[in-house]
Amino acid sequence: RARHIKGCMTEGYRIETRGKNKGRKVYAPPNTQARIKSVLNLLLD
C-alpha cells in the first residue's frame, strides 16, 4: 500500500559496504527518495 512505499522513501536504508562508513546504515537522500518512487511507479505498473 501507499504507506509501505512512503516508508521505503523516508525510512528505508542500505548498508554501506565500502570506505570509512562500512557497515553503517545509509538513509535515502531527497533525490534518491524521488528515484525510489519512480522505480516503484514502473514496477507496480
All heavy atoms as atom14 arrays in JSON, in Angstrom:
{
  "sequence": "RARHIKGCMTEGYRIETRGKNKGRKVYAPPNTQARIKSVLNLLLD",
  "atom14_mask": [
    [1, 1, 1, 1, 1, 1, 1, 1, 1, 1, 1, 0, 0, 0],
    [1, 1, 1, 1, 1, 0, 0, 0, 0, 0, 0, 0, 0, 0],
    [1, 1, 1, 1, 1, 1, 1, 1, 1, 1, 1, 0, 0, 0],
    [1, 1, 1, 1, 1, 1, 1, 1, 1, 1, 0, 0, 0, 0],
    [1, 1, 1, 1, 1, 1, 1, 1, 0, 0, 0, 0, 0, 0],
    [1, 1, 1, 1, 1, 1, 1, 1, 1, 0, 0, 0, 0, 0],
    [1, 1, 1, 1, 0, 0, 0, 0, 0, 0, 0, 0, 0, 0],
    [1, 1, 1, 1, 1, 1, 0, 0, 0, 0, 0, 0, 0, 0],
    [1, 1, 1, 1, 1, 1, 1, 1, 0, 0, 0, 0, 0, 0],
    [1, 1, 1, 1, 1, 1, 1, 0, 0, 0, 0, 0, 0, 0],
    [1, 1, 1, 1, 1, 1, 1, 1, 1, 0, 0, 0, 0, 0],
    [1, 1, 1, 1, 0, 0, 0, 0, 0, 0, 0, 0, 0, 0],
    [1, 1, 1, 1, 1, 1, 1, 1, 1, 1, 1, 1, 0, 0],
    [1, 1, 1, 1, 1, 1, 1, 1, 1, 1, 1, 0, 0, 0],
    [1, 1, 1, 1, 1, 1, 1, 1, 0, 0, 0, 0, 0, 0],
    [1, 1, 1, 1, 1, 1, 1, 1, 1, 0, 0, 0, 0, 0],
    [1, 1, 1, 1, 1, 1, 1, 0, 0, 0, 0, 0, 0, 0],
    [1, 1, 1, 1, 1, 1, 1, 1, 1, 1, 1, 0, 0, 0],
    [1, 1, 1, 1, 0, 0, 0, 0, 0, 0, 0, 0, 0, 0],
    [1, 1, 1, 1, 1, 1, 1, 1, 1, 0, 0, 0, 0, 0],
    [1, 1, 1, 1, 1, 1, 1, 1, 0, 0, 0, 0, 0, 0],
    [1, 1, 1, 1, 1, 1, 1, 1, 1, 0, 0, 0, 0, 0],
    [1, 1, 1, 1, 0, 0, 0, 0, 0, 0, 0, 0, 0, 0],
    [1, 1, 1, 1, 1, 1, 1, 1, 1, 1, 1, 0, 0, 0],
    [1, 1, 1, 1, 1, 1, 1, 1, 1, 0, 0, 0, 0, 0],
    [1, 1, 1, 1, 1, 1, 1, 0, 0, 0, 0, 0, 0, 0],
    [1, 1, 1, 1, 1, 1, 1, 1, 1, 1, 1, 1, 0, 0],
    [1, 1, 1, 1, 1, 0, 0, 0, 0, 0, 0, 0, 0, 0],
    [1, 1, 1, 1, 1, 1, 1, 0, 0, 0, 0, 0, 0, 0],
    [1, 1, 1, 1, 1, 1, 1, 0, 0, 0, 0, 0, 0, 0],
    [1, 1, 1, 1, 1, 1, 1, 1, 0, 0, 0, 0, 0, 0],
    [1, 1, 1, 1, 1, 1, 1, 0, 0, 0, 0, 0, 0, 0],
    [1, 1, 1, 1, 1, 1, 1, 1, 1, 0, 0, 0, 0, 0],
    [1, 1, 1, 1, 1, 0, 0, 0, 0, 0, 0, 0, 0, 0],
    [1, 1, 1, 1, 1, 1, 1, 1, 1, 1, 1, 0, 0, 0],
    [1, 1, 1, 1, 1, 1, 1, 1, 0, 0, 0, 0, 0, 0],
    [1, 1, 1, 1, 1, 1, 1, 1, 1, 0, 0, 0, 0, 0],
    [1, 1, 1, 1, 1, 1, 0, 0, 0, 0, 0, 0, 0, 0],
    [1, 1, 1, 1, 1, 1, 1, 0, 0, 0, 0, 0, 0, 0],
    [1, 1, 1, 1, 1, 1, 1, 1, 0, 0, 0, 0, 0, 0],
    [1, 1, 1, 1, 1, 1, 1, 1, 0, 0, 0, 0, 0, 0],
    [1, 1, 1, 1, 1, 1, 1, 1, 0, 0, 0, 0, 0, 0],
    [1, 1, 1, 1, 1, 1, 1, 1, 0, 0, 0, 0, 0, 0],
    [1, 1, 1, 1, 1, 1, 1, 1, 0, 0, 0, 0, 0, 0],
    [1, 1, 1, 1, 1, 1, 1, 1, 0, 0, 0, 0, 0, 0]
  ],
  "atom14_positions": [
    [[0.83, -1.19, 0.0], [0.0, 0.0, 0.0], [0.88, 1.25, 0.0], [2.1, 1.17, 0.13], [-0.93, 0.01, 1.22], [-1.92, -1.15, 1.26], [-2.94, -1.02, 0.13], [-3.96, -2.06, 0.18], [-3.89, -3.22, -0.47], [-2.81, -3.5, -1.21], [-4.87, -4.1, -0.38], [0.0, 0.0, 0.0], [0.0, 0.0, 0.0], [0.0, 0.0, 0.0]],
    [[0.24, 2.42, -0.11], [0.96, 3.69, -0.18], [1.87, 3.88, 1.03], [2.98, 4.38, 0.91], [-0.02, 4.84, -0.32], [0.0, 0.0, 0.0], [0.0, 0.0, 0.0], [0.0, 0.0, 0.0], [0.0, 0.0, 0.0], [0.0, 0.0, 0.0], [0.0, 0.0, 0.0], [0.0, 0.0, 0.0], [0.0, 0.0, 0.0], [0.0, 0.0, 0.0]],
    [[1.41, 3.49, 2.21], [2.21, 3.7, 3.43], [3.51, 2.9, 3.39], [4.53, 3.33, 3.92], [1.39, 3.33, 4.67], [1.02, 1.86, 4.81], [0.22, 1.61, 6.09], [-0.1, 0.2, 6.27], [-1.15, -0.4, 5.72], [-1.97, 0.3, 4.93], [-1.39, -1.68, 5.94], [0.0, 0.0, 0.0], [0.0, 0.0, 0.0], [0.0, 0.0, 0.0]],
    [[3.47, 1.72, 2.75], [4.69, 0.91, 2.64], [5.7, 1.58, 1.7], [6.91, 1.57, 1.96], [4.36, -0.49, 2.13], [3.38, -1.23, 2.99], [2.19, -1.72, 2.51], [3.41, -1.53, 4.31], [1.53, -2.32, 3.48], [2.24, -2.22, 4.59], [0.0, 0.0, 0.0], [0.0, 0.0, 0.0], [0.0, 0.0, 0.0], [0.0, 0.0, 0.0]],
    [[5.19, 2.15, 0.62], [6.06, 2.83, -0.35], [6.67, 4.08, 0.27], [7.87, 4.35, 0.12], [5.25, 3.17, -1.62], [4.78, 1.88, -2.28], [6.09, 4.0, -2.59], [3.67, 2.06, -3.29], [0.0, 0.0, 0.0], [0.0, 0.0, 0.0], [0.0, 0.0, 0.0], [0.0, 0.0, 0.0], [0.0, 0.0, 0.0], [0.0, 0.0, 0.0]],
    [[5.85, 4.85, 0.99], [6.36, 6.04, 1.67], [7.4, 5.66, 2.72], [8.37, 6.38, 2.94], [5.21, 6.8, 2.32], [4.27, 7.46, 1.32], [3.13, 8.19, 2.02], [2.2, 8.86, 1.02], [1.06, 9.55, 1.67], [0.0, 0.0, 0.0], [0.0, 0.0, 0.0], [0.0, 0.0, 0.0], [0.0, 0.0, 0.0], [0.0, 0.0, 0.0]],
    [[7.19, 4.5, 3.36], [8.16, 4.01, 4.34], [9.52, 3.73, 3.71], [10.56, 4.04, 4.29], [0.0, 0.0, 0.0], [0.0, 0.0, 0.0], [0.0, 0.0, 0.0], [0.0, 0.0, 0.0], [0.0, 0.0, 0.0], [0.0, 0.0, 0.0], [0.0, 0.0, 0.0], [0.0, 0.0, 0.0], [0.0, 0.0, 0.0], [0.0, 0.0, 0.0]],
    [[9.51, 3.15, 2.49], [10.77, 2.91, 1.77], [11.49, 4.23, 1.5], [12.72, 4.33, 1.6], [10.51, 2.19, 0.46], [9.91, 0.5, 0.63], [0.0, 0.0, 0.0], [0.0, 0.0, 0.0], [0.0, 0.0, 0.0], [0.0, 0.0, 0.0], [0.0, 0.0, 0.0], [0.0, 0.0, 0.0], [0.0, 0.0, 0.0], [0.0, 0.0, 0.0]],
    [[10.71, 5.24, 1.15], [11.29, 6.53, 0.79], [11.88, 7.26, 1.99], [12.98, 7.81, 1.91], [10.22, 7.41, 0.11], [9.74, 6.86, -1.23], [8.22, 7.66, -1.82], [8.76, 9.38, -1.95], [0.0, 0.0, 0.0], [0.0, 0.0, 0.0], [0.0, 0.0, 0.0], [0.0, 0.0, 0.0], [0.0, 0.0, 0.0], [0.0, 0.0, 0.0]],
    [[11.16, 7.28, 3.1], [11.58, 8.1, 4.24], [12.35, 7.33, 5.31], [13.16, 7.92, 6.03], [10.36, 8.75, 4.9], [9.44, 7.72, 5.33], [9.65, 9.68, 3.92], [0.0, 0.0, 0.0], [0.0, 0.0, 0.0], [0.0, 0.0, 0.0], [0.0, 0.0, 0.0], [0.0, 0.0, 0.0], [0.0, 0.0, 0.0], [0.0, 0.0, 0.0]],
    [[12.12, 6.02, 5.39], [12.77, 5.23, 6.44], [13.66, 4.12, 5.89], [14.37, 3.46, 6.65], [11.71, 4.62, 7.36], [10.84, 5.67, 8.06], [9.68, 5.03, 8.81], [9.73, 3.81, 9.05], [8.71, 5.76, 9.12], [0.0, 0.0, 0.0], [0.0, 0.0, 0.0], [0.0, 0.0, 0.0], [0.0, 0.0, 0.0], [0.0, 0.0, 0.0]],
    [[13.61, 3.88, 4.59], [14.42, 2.83, 4.0], [15.9, 3.17, 4.07], [16.28, 4.34, 4.06], [0.0, 0.0, 0.0], [0.0, 0.0, 0.0], [0.0, 0.0, 0.0], [0.0, 0.0, 0.0], [0.0, 0.0, 0.0], [0.0, 0.0, 0.0], [0.0, 0.0, 0.0], [0.0, 0.0, 0.0], [0.0, 0.0, 0.0], [0.0, 0.0, 0.0]],
    [[16.72, 2.15, 4.15], [18.16, 2.38, 4.23], [18.9, 1.22, 3.57], [18.35, 0.15, 3.33], [18.62, 2.51, 5.68], [18.38, 1.26, 6.52], [19.32, 0.22, 6.55], [17.22, 1.12, 7.28], [19.1, -0.92, 7.29], [16.99, -0.03, 8.03], [17.93, -1.04, 8.04], [17.71, -2.18, 8.77], [0.0, 0.0, 0.0], [0.0, 0.0, 0.0]],
    [[20.15, 1.48, 3.26], [21.05, 0.43, 2.79], [22.25, 0.39, 3.71], [22.51, 1.34, 4.45], [21.51, 0.71, 1.35], [22.33, 1.98, 1.19], [22.81, 2.17, -0.24], [23.56, 3.42, -0.4], [24.84, 3.57, -0.11], [25.54, 2.55, 0.36], [25.45, 4.73, -0.28], [0.0, 0.0, 0.0], [0.0, 0.0, 0.0], [0.0, 0.0, 0.0]],
    [[22.98, -0.7, 3.67], [24.18, -0.83, 4.49], [25.41, -0.53, 3.64], [25.61, -1.17, 2.6], [24.29, -2.25, 5.1], [23.04, -2.57, 5.94], [25.55, -2.36, 5.95], [22.82, -1.66, 7.12], [0.0, 0.0, 0.0], [0.0, 0.0, 0.0], [0.0, 0.0, 0.0], [0.0, 0.0, 0.0], [0.0, 0.0, 0.0], [0.0, 0.0, 0.0]],
    [[26.18, 0.47, 4.05], [27.39, 0.83, 3.31], [28.38, -0.34, 3.34], [28.61, -0.94, 4.39], [28.03, 2.06, 3.93], [29.28, 2.56, 3.21], [29.01, 2.88, 1.75], [28.29, 3.85, 1.49], [29.52, 2.14, 0.88], [0.0, 0.0, 0.0], [0.0, 0.0, 0.0], [0.0, 0.0, 0.0], [0.0, 0.0, 0.0], [0.0, 0.0, 0.0]],
    [[28.92, -0.67, 2.19], [29.81, -1.84, 2.08], [31.27, -1.48, 1.9], [32.13, -2.35, 1.9], [29.38, -2.73, 0.9], [29.42, -1.95, -0.31], [27.96, -3.26, 1.1], [0.0, 0.0, 0.0], [0.0, 0.0, 0.0], [0.0, 0.0, 0.0], [0.0, 0.0, 0.0], [0.0, 0.0, 0.0], [0.0, 0.0, 0.0], [0.0, 0.0, 0.0]],
    [[31.55, -0.16, 1.75], [32.93, 0.24, 1.49], [33.28, 1.5, 2.26], [32.41, 2.21, 2.77], [33.14, 0.5, -0.01], [32.87, -0.68, -0.9], [33.12, -0.37, -2.35], [32.25, 0.64, -2.9], [32.09, 0.88, -4.19], [32.79, 0.19, -5.07], [31.28, 1.82, -4.63], [0.0, 0.0, 0.0], [0.0, 0.0, 0.0], [0.0, 0.0, 0.0]],
    [[34.59, 1.77, 2.34], [35.06, 3.03, 2.9], [34.98, 3.11, 4.41], [34.73, 2.13, 5.11], [0.0, 0.0, 0.0], [0.0, 0.0, 0.0], [0.0, 0.0, 0.0], [0.0, 0.0, 0.0], [0.0, 0.0, 0.0], [0.0, 0.0, 0.0], [0.0, 0.0, 0.0], [0.0, 0.0, 0.0], [0.0, 0.0, 0.0], [0.0, 0.0, 0.0]],
    [[35.15, 4.32, 4.92], [35.21, 4.53, 6.37], [33.86, 4.32, 7.05], [33.8, 4.12, 8.26], [35.73, 5.94, 6.68], [34.92, 7.05, 6.05], [35.59, 8.4, 6.27], [34.82, 9.53, 5.59], [35.5, 10.84, 5.74], [0.0, 0.0, 0.0], [0.0, 0.0, 0.0], [0.0, 0.0, 0.0], [0.0, 0.0, 0.0], [0.0, 0.0, 0.0]],
    [[32.77, 4.38, 6.29], [31.43, 4.17, 6.85], [30.91, 2.75, 6.62], [29.72, 2.5, 6.77], [30.45, 5.18, 6.25], [30.76, 6.6, 6.66], [31.15, 6.86, 7.8], [30.61, 7.54, 5.72], [0.0, 0.0, 0.0], [0.0, 0.0, 0.0], [0.0, 0.0, 0.0], [0.0, 0.0, 0.0], [0.0, 0.0, 0.0], [0.0, 0.0, 0.0]],
    [[31.79, 1.84, 6.29], [31.4, 0.45, 6.02], [30.63, -0.12, 7.21], [31.06, -0.02, 8.36], [32.64, -0.39, 5.75], [32.33, -1.83, 5.36], [33.6, -2.59, 5.01], [33.29, -4.02, 4.61], [34.53, -4.77, 4.26], [0.0, 0.0, 0.0], [0.0, 0.0, 0.0], [0.0, 0.0, 0.0], [0.0, 0.0, 0.0], [0.0, 0.0, 0.0]],
    [[29.47, -0.75, 6.92], [28.66, -1.37, 7.95], [27.58, -0.46, 8.52], [26.7, -0.92, 9.25], [0.0, 0.0, 0.0], [0.0, 0.0, 0.0], [0.0, 0.0, 0.0], [0.0, 0.0, 0.0], [0.0, 0.0, 0.0], [0.0, 0.0, 0.0], [0.0, 0.0, 0.0], [0.0, 0.0, 0.0], [0.0, 0.0, 0.0], [0.0, 0.0, 0.0]],
    [[27.62, 0.82, 8.19], [26.65, 1.77, 8.73], [25.4, 1.85, 7.84], [25.45, 1.6, 6.64], [27.27, 3.16, 8.85], [28.36, 3.25, 9.91], [28.81, 4.69, 10.06], [29.89, 4.83, 11.03], [30.48, 5.98, 11.34], [30.08, 7.1, 10.74], [31.45, 6.02, 12.23], [0.0, 0.0, 0.0], [0.0, 0.0, 0.0], [0.0, 0.0, 0.0]],
    [[24.29, 2.25, 8.46], [23.06, 2.47, 7.71], [23.14, 3.8, 6.96], [23.57, 4.8, 7.52], [21.85, 2.5, 8.65], [21.52, 1.18, 9.31], [20.29, 1.32, 10.19], [19.93, 0.0, 10.87], [18.74, 0.15, 11.75], [0.0, 0.0, 0.0], [0.0, 0.0, 0.0], [0.0, 0.0, 0.0], [0.0, 0.0, 0.0], [0.0, 0.0, 0.0]],
    [[22.71, 3.77, 5.72], [22.67, 5.0, 4.91], [21.22, 5.2, 4.47], [20.66, 4.36, 3.76], [23.58, 4.9, 3.68], [23.47, 6.17, 2.84], [25.02, 4.66, 4.09], [0.0, 0.0, 0.0], [0.0, 0.0, 0.0], [0.0, 0.0, 0.0], [0.0, 0.0, 0.0], [0.0, 0.0, 0.0], [0.0, 0.0, 0.0], [0.0, 0.0, 0.0]],
    [[20.6, 6.29, 4.92], [19.21, 6.57, 4.56], [19.14, 7.33, 3.24], [20.09, 8.01, 2.83], [18.53, 7.36, 5.68], [18.33, 6.54, 6.93], [19.3, 6.5, 7.93], [17.18, 5.77, 7.1], [19.14, 5.72, 9.07], [17.0, 4.99, 8.23], [17.99, 4.97, 9.22], [17.82, 4.2, 10.34], [0.0, 0.0, 0.0], [0.0, 0.0, 0.0]],
    [[18.01, 7.23, 2.58], [17.86, 7.81, 1.24], [17.8, 9.33, 1.28], [16.93, 9.89, 1.95], [16.59, 7.26, 0.58], [0.0, 0.0, 0.0], [0.0, 0.0, 0.0], [0.0, 0.0, 0.0], [0.0, 0.0, 0.0], [0.0, 0.0, 0.0], [0.0, 0.0, 0.0], [0.0, 0.0, 0.0], [0.0, 0.0, 0.0], [0.0, 0.0, 0.0]],
    [[18.71, 10.02, 0.57], [18.62, 11.48, 0.45], [17.42, 11.84, -0.43], [16.83, 10.97, -1.08], [19.95, 11.86, -0.21], [20.37, 10.64, -0.94], [19.87, 9.47, -0.15], [0.0, 0.0, 0.0], [0.0, 0.0, 0.0], [0.0, 0.0, 0.0], [0.0, 0.0, 0.0], [0.0, 0.0, 0.0], [0.0, 0.0, 0.0], [0.0, 0.0, 0.0]],
    [[17.04, 13.12, -0.48], [15.83, 13.53, -1.21], [15.79, 13.07, -2.67], [14.76, 12.59, -3.14], [15.88, 15.05, -1.11], [16.62, 15.33, 0.15], [17.65, 14.25, 0.24], [0.0, 0.0, 0.0], [0.0, 0.0, 0.0], [0.0, 0.0, 0.0], [0.0, 0.0, 0.0], [0.0, 0.0, 0.0], [0.0, 0.0, 0.0], [0.0, 0.0, 0.0]],
    [[16.9, 13.23, -3.4], [16.87, 12.84, -4.81], [16.69, 11.33, -4.97], [16.04, 10.87, -5.92], [18.13, 13.32, -5.55], [19.41, 12.8, -4.93], [19.42, 12.38, -3.77], [20.5, 12.86, -5.66], [0.0, 0.0, 0.0], [0.0, 0.0, 0.0], [0.0, 0.0, 0.0], [0.0, 0.0, 0.0], [0.0, 0.0, 0.0], [0.0, 0.0, 0.0]],
    [[17.24, 10.55, -4.04], [17.05, 9.09, -4.09], [15.62, 8.72, -3.72], [15.06, 7.76, -4.27], [18.04, 8.39, -3.15], [19.38, 8.73, -3.52], [17.89, 6.87, -3.22], [0.0, 0.0, 0.0], [0.0, 0.0, 0.0], [0.0, 0.0, 0.0], [0.0, 0.0, 0.0], [0.0, 0.0, 0.0], [0.0, 0.0, 0.0], [0.0, 0.0, 0.0]],
    [[15.0, 9.46, -2.8], [13.6, 9.22, -2.47], [12.73, 9.37, -3.71], [11.79, 8.58, -3.93], [13.14, 10.19, -1.38], [13.78, 9.94, -0.02], [13.3, 10.91, 1.04], [12.16, 11.38, 1.01], [14.16, 11.23, 2.0], [0.0, 0.0, 0.0], [0.0, 0.0, 0.0], [0.0, 0.0, 0.0], [0.0, 0.0, 0.0], [0.0, 0.0, 0.0]],
    [[13.04, 10.37, -4.52], [12.29, 10.56, -5.77], [12.5, 9.39, -6.72], [11.57, 8.94, -7.39], [12.71, 11.87, -6.43], [0.0, 0.0, 0.0], [0.0, 0.0, 0.0], [0.0, 0.0, 0.0], [0.0, 0.0, 0.0], [0.0, 0.0, 0.0], [0.0, 0.0, 0.0], [0.0, 0.0, 0.0], [0.0, 0.0, 0.0], [0.0, 0.0, 0.0]],
    [[13.74, 8.88, -6.77], [14.03, 7.74, -7.65], [13.31, 6.48, -7.17], [12.86, 5.67, -7.97], [15.53, 7.5, -7.7], [16.31, 8.6, -8.41], [17.73, 8.18, -8.69], [18.56, 9.31, -9.12], [19.5, 9.86, -8.4], [19.77, 9.39, -7.19], [20.21, 10.88, -8.87], [0.0, 0.0, 0.0], [0.0, 0.0, 0.0], [0.0, 0.0, 0.0]],
    [[13.24, 6.29, -5.85], [12.53, 5.13, -5.29], [11.09, 5.14, -5.76], [10.55, 4.12, -6.22], [12.6, 5.14, -3.74], [14.03, 4.87, -3.27], [11.64, 4.1, -3.16], [14.24, 5.12, -1.78], [0.0, 0.0, 0.0], [0.0, 0.0, 0.0], [0.0, 0.0, 0.0], [0.0, 0.0, 0.0], [0.0, 0.0, 0.0], [0.0, 0.0, 0.0]],
    [[10.45, 6.29, -5.64], [9.05, 6.39, -6.09], [8.93, 6.13, -7.58], [8.02, 5.43, -8.04], [8.47, 7.76, -5.75], [6.98, 7.87, -6.07], [6.42, 9.21, -5.71], [4.91, 9.24, -5.92], [4.48, 8.86, -7.27], [0.0, 0.0, 0.0], [0.0, 0.0, 0.0], [0.0, 0.0, 0.0], [0.0, 0.0, 0.0], [0.0, 0.0, 0.0]],
    [[9.85, 6.66, -8.37], [9.82, 6.48, -9.82], [9.95, 5.0, -10.19], [9.2, 4.5, -11.05], [10.95, 7.28, -10.46], [11.0, 7.07, -11.85], [0.0, 0.0, 0.0], [0.0, 0.0, 0.0], [0.0, 0.0, 0.0], [0.0, 0.0, 0.0], [0.0, 0.0, 0.0], [0.0, 0.0, 0.0], [0.0, 0.0, 0.0], [0.0, 0.0, 0.0]],
    [[10.87, 4.3, -9.55], [11.07, 2.87, -9.83], [9.84, 2.07, -9.42], [9.37, 1.19, -10.16], [12.33, 2.34, -9.11], [12.39, 0.81, -9.17], [13.59, 2.93, -9.73], [0.0, 0.0, 0.0], [0.0, 0.0, 0.0], [0.0, 0.0, 0.0], [0.0, 0.0, 0.0], [0.0, 0.0, 0.0], [0.0, 0.0, 0.0], [0.0, 0.0, 0.0]],
    [[9.28, 2.36, -8.25], [8.09, 1.62, -7.78], [6.87, 1.97, -8.62], [5.98, 1.13, -8.78], [7.85, 1.9, -6.3], [8.92, 1.32, -5.36], [8.63, 1.68, -3.91], [9.01, -0.2, -5.51], [0.0, 0.0, 0.0], [0.0, 0.0, 0.0], [0.0, 0.0, 0.0], [0.0, 0.0, 0.0], [0.0, 0.0, 0.0], [0.0, 0.0, 0.0]],
    [[6.81, 3.18, -9.17], [5.74, 3.51, -10.12], [5.73, 2.5, -11.27], [4.69, 1.92, -11.6], [5.95, 4.91, -10.71], [5.53, 6.02, -9.79], [4.88, 5.81, -8.77], [5.91, 7.24, -10.13], [0.0, 0.0, 0.0], [0.0, 0.0, 0.0], [0.0, 0.0, 0.0], [0.0, 0.0, 0.0], [0.0, 0.0, 0.0], [0.0, 0.0, 0.0]],
    [[6.89, 2.31, -11.87], [7.01, 1.43, -13.04], [6.86, -0.04, -12.66], [6.23, -0.82, -13.39], [8.36, 1.67, -13.72], [8.58, 3.08, -14.27], [10.0, 3.24, -14.77], [7.58, 3.39, -15.36], [0.0, 0.0, 0.0], [0.0, 0.0, 0.0], [0.0, 0.0, 0.0], [0.0, 0.0, 0.0], [0.0, 0.0, 0.0], [0.0, 0.0, 0.0]],
    [[7.44, -0.42, -11.54], [7.37, -1.82, -11.09], [5.93, -2.23, -10.83], [5.48, -3.31, -11.24], [8.23, -1.99, -9.83], [8.38, -3.4, -9.28], [8.97, -4.34, -10.32], [9.27, -3.39, -8.03], [0.0, 0.0, 0.0], [0.0, 0.0, 0.0], [0.0, 0.0, 0.0], [0.0, 0.0, 0.0], [0.0, 0.0, 0.0], [0.0, 0.0, 0.0]],
    [[5.16, -1.36, -10.19], [3.78, -1.69, -9.87], [2.85, -1.5, -11.07], [1.79, -2.11, -11.14], [3.3, -0.88, -8.67], [3.99, -1.31, -7.35], [3.67, -0.35, -6.22], [3.57, -2.73, -6.96], [0.0, 0.0, 0.0], [0.0, 0.0, 0.0], [0.0, 0.0, 0.0], [0.0, 0.0, 0.0], [0.0, 0.0, 0.0], [0.0, 0.0, 0.0]],
    [[3.25, -0.66, -12.04], [2.53, -0.63, -13.32], [2.58, -2.01, -13.96], [1.59, -2.51, -14.5], [3.18, 0.38, -14.28], [2.76, 1.82, -14.0], [1.78, 2.04, -13.25], [3.44, 2.74, -14.52], [0.0, 0.0, 0.0], [0.0, 0.0, 0.0], [0.0, 0.0, 0.0], [0.0, 0.0, 0.0], [0.0, 0.0, 0.0], [0.0, 0.0, 0.0]]
  ]
}
